[in-house]
């Protein structure tokens, strides 16, 4: 019997593939998974990913590059610090050059 994987695990598998130094959005992951209206659920999945060190949750931001999930990271600015350690410039909790750093799983992954 084949076990069906749940939505959160599907989200985590996509997030694990985000390259270092790049970011994607909750909505882009939702669209890739065929559920374009479930960006909020992707956010919940990212919040639940902190127990899995393979999931780079800090690389998932909102549709305009804001660090909307920053309050789910321990420490004052951990999400920002993790992004900056990968060479991503963040000003006022927003990824600079968002469009050029954006990783689109629908274009970069095969379903």
Protein backbone atom coordinates (compact mmCIF):
# COMPACT_ATOMS: atom_id res chain seq x y z
CA UNK A 1 0.00 0.00 0.00
CA UNK A 2 1.40 3.42 -1.02
CA UNK A 3 1.12 6.12 1.61
CA UNK A 4 -0.12 9.47 0.29
CA UNK A 5 2.02 12.35 1.54
CA UNK A 6 0.26 15.27 3.16
CA UNK A 7 0.16 18.88 2.03
CA UNK A 8 2.74 20.07 4.59
CA UNK A 9 5.23 17.45 3.48
CA UNK A 10 4.68 18.42 -0.17
CA UNK A 11 5.38 22.05 0.75
CA UNK A 12 8.51 21.04 2.64
CA UNK A 13 9.79 19.01 -0.32
CA UNK A 14 9.43 22.04 -2.61
CA UNK A 15 11.05 24.38 -0.06
CA UNK A 16 14.02 22.02 0.32
CA UNK A 17 14.84 22.71 -3.33
CA UNK A 18 15.04 26.52 -3.07
CA UNK A 19 18.63 27.35 -3.95
CA UNK A 20 20.85 29.17 -1.48
CA UNK A 21 20.75 32.91 -2.17
CA UNK A 22 17.27 32.78 -3.71
CA UNK A 23 13.76 33.27 -2.34
CA UNK A 24 10.26 32.24 -3.30
CA UNK A 25 6.78 33.09 -2.09
CA UNK A 26 4.05 31.20 -0.31
CA UNK A 27 1.82 31.72 -3.35
CA UNK A 28 4.42 30.40 -5.80
CA UNK A 29 4.68 27.17 -3.83
CA UNK A 30 0.89 26.90 -3.62
CA UNK A 31 0.57 27.44 -7.38
CA UNK A 32 3.23 24.80 -8.09
CA UNK A 33 1.33 22.30 -5.94
CA UNK A 34 -1.86 22.96 -7.91
CA UNK A 35 -3.60 24.80 -5.08
CA UNK A 36 -3.14 28.49 -5.99
CA UNK A 37 -5.49 29.77 -3.28
CA UNK A 38 -3.66 28.03 -0.44
CA UNK A 39 -0.76 30.45 0.18
CA UNK A 40 -1.83 30.77 3.82
CA UNK A 41 -1.66 26.98 4.23
CA UNK A 42 1.86 27.09 2.79
CA UNK A 43 2.67 29.62 5.51
CA UNK A 44 1.36 27.24 8.15
CA UNK A 45 3.46 24.46 6.65
CA UNK A 46 6.54 26.67 6.77
CA UNK A 47 5.82 27.48 10.42
CA UNK A 48 5.60 23.74 11.12
CA UNK A 49 8.91 23.10 9.35
CA UNK A 50 11.17 24.34 12.15
CA UNK A 51 11.64 20.79 13.40
CA UNK A 52 13.14 19.76 10.06
CA UNK A 53 16.55 21.40 9.51
CA UNK A 54 16.50 20.47 5.80
CA UNK A 55 13.67 22.97 5.14
CA UNK A 56 15.04 26.49 4.54
CA UNK A 57 11.88 28.26 5.72
CA UNK A 58 13.74 31.60 5.78
CA UNK A 59 13.79 31.55 1.96
CA UNK A 60 9.98 31.76 1.74
CA UNK A 61 8.57 35.29 1.86
CA UNK A 62 5.34 36.97 0.84
CA UNK A 63 4.42 37.97 -2.72
CA UNK A 64 6.24 41.33 -2.52
CA UNK A 65 9.34 40.06 -0.75
CA UNK A 66 8.42 41.00 2.80
CA UNK A 67 9.63 38.77 5.65
CA UNK A 68 6.06 38.15 6.80
CA UNK A 69 7.05 34.98 8.66
CA UNK A 70 9.84 36.61 10.66
CA UNK A 71 7.99 36.38 13.98
CA UNK A 72 8.06 32.57 13.73
CA UNK A 73 11.86 32.49 13.98
CA UNK A 74 13.68 32.54 17.29
CA UNK A 75 15.71 35.64 18.05
CA UNK A 76 15.19 39.21 17.04
CA UNK A 77 16.10 39.08 13.35
CA UNK A 78 16.99 35.45 12.69
CA UNK A 79 15.10 35.20 9.38
CA UNK A 80 16.84 38.32 8.10
CA UNK A 81 20.22 37.16 9.39
CA UNK A 82 19.86 33.81 7.64
CA UNK A 83 19.00 35.51 4.34
CA UNK A 84 21.84 38.00 4.69
CA UNK A 85 24.28 35.14 5.39
CA UNK A 86 23.35 33.88 1.91
CA UNK A 87 24.08 37.27 0.33
CA UNK A 88 20.49 38.53 0.21
CA UNK A 89 20.10 42.20 1.08
CA UNK A 90 17.13 42.92 3.37
CA UNK A 91 16.02 46.47 4.23
CA UNK A 92 13.07 47.17 6.55
CA UNK A 93 12.14 43.46 6.48
CA UNK A 94 11.93 43.43 2.67
CA UNK A 95 14.14 41.52 0.25
CA UNK A 96 15.89 43.94 -2.07
CA UNK A 97 16.06 42.98 -5.76
CA UNK A 98 13.22 40.56 -5.08
CA UNK A 99 12.41 40.02 -8.75
CA UNK A 100 15.96 39.02 -9.65
CA UNK A 101 16.28 36.70 -6.62
CA UNK A 102 12.85 35.12 -7.05
CA UNK A 103 12.87 31.35 -7.58
CA UNK A 104 9.70 30.09 -9.25
CA UNK A 105 9.14 26.37 -8.65
CA UNK A 106 6.66 26.25 -11.56
CA UNK A 107 9.48 27.23 -13.92
CA UNK A 108 12.45 25.70 -12.17
CA UNK A 109 11.05 22.28 -11.14
CA UNK A 110 9.41 19.59 -13.19
CA UNK A 111 6.17 18.32 -11.64
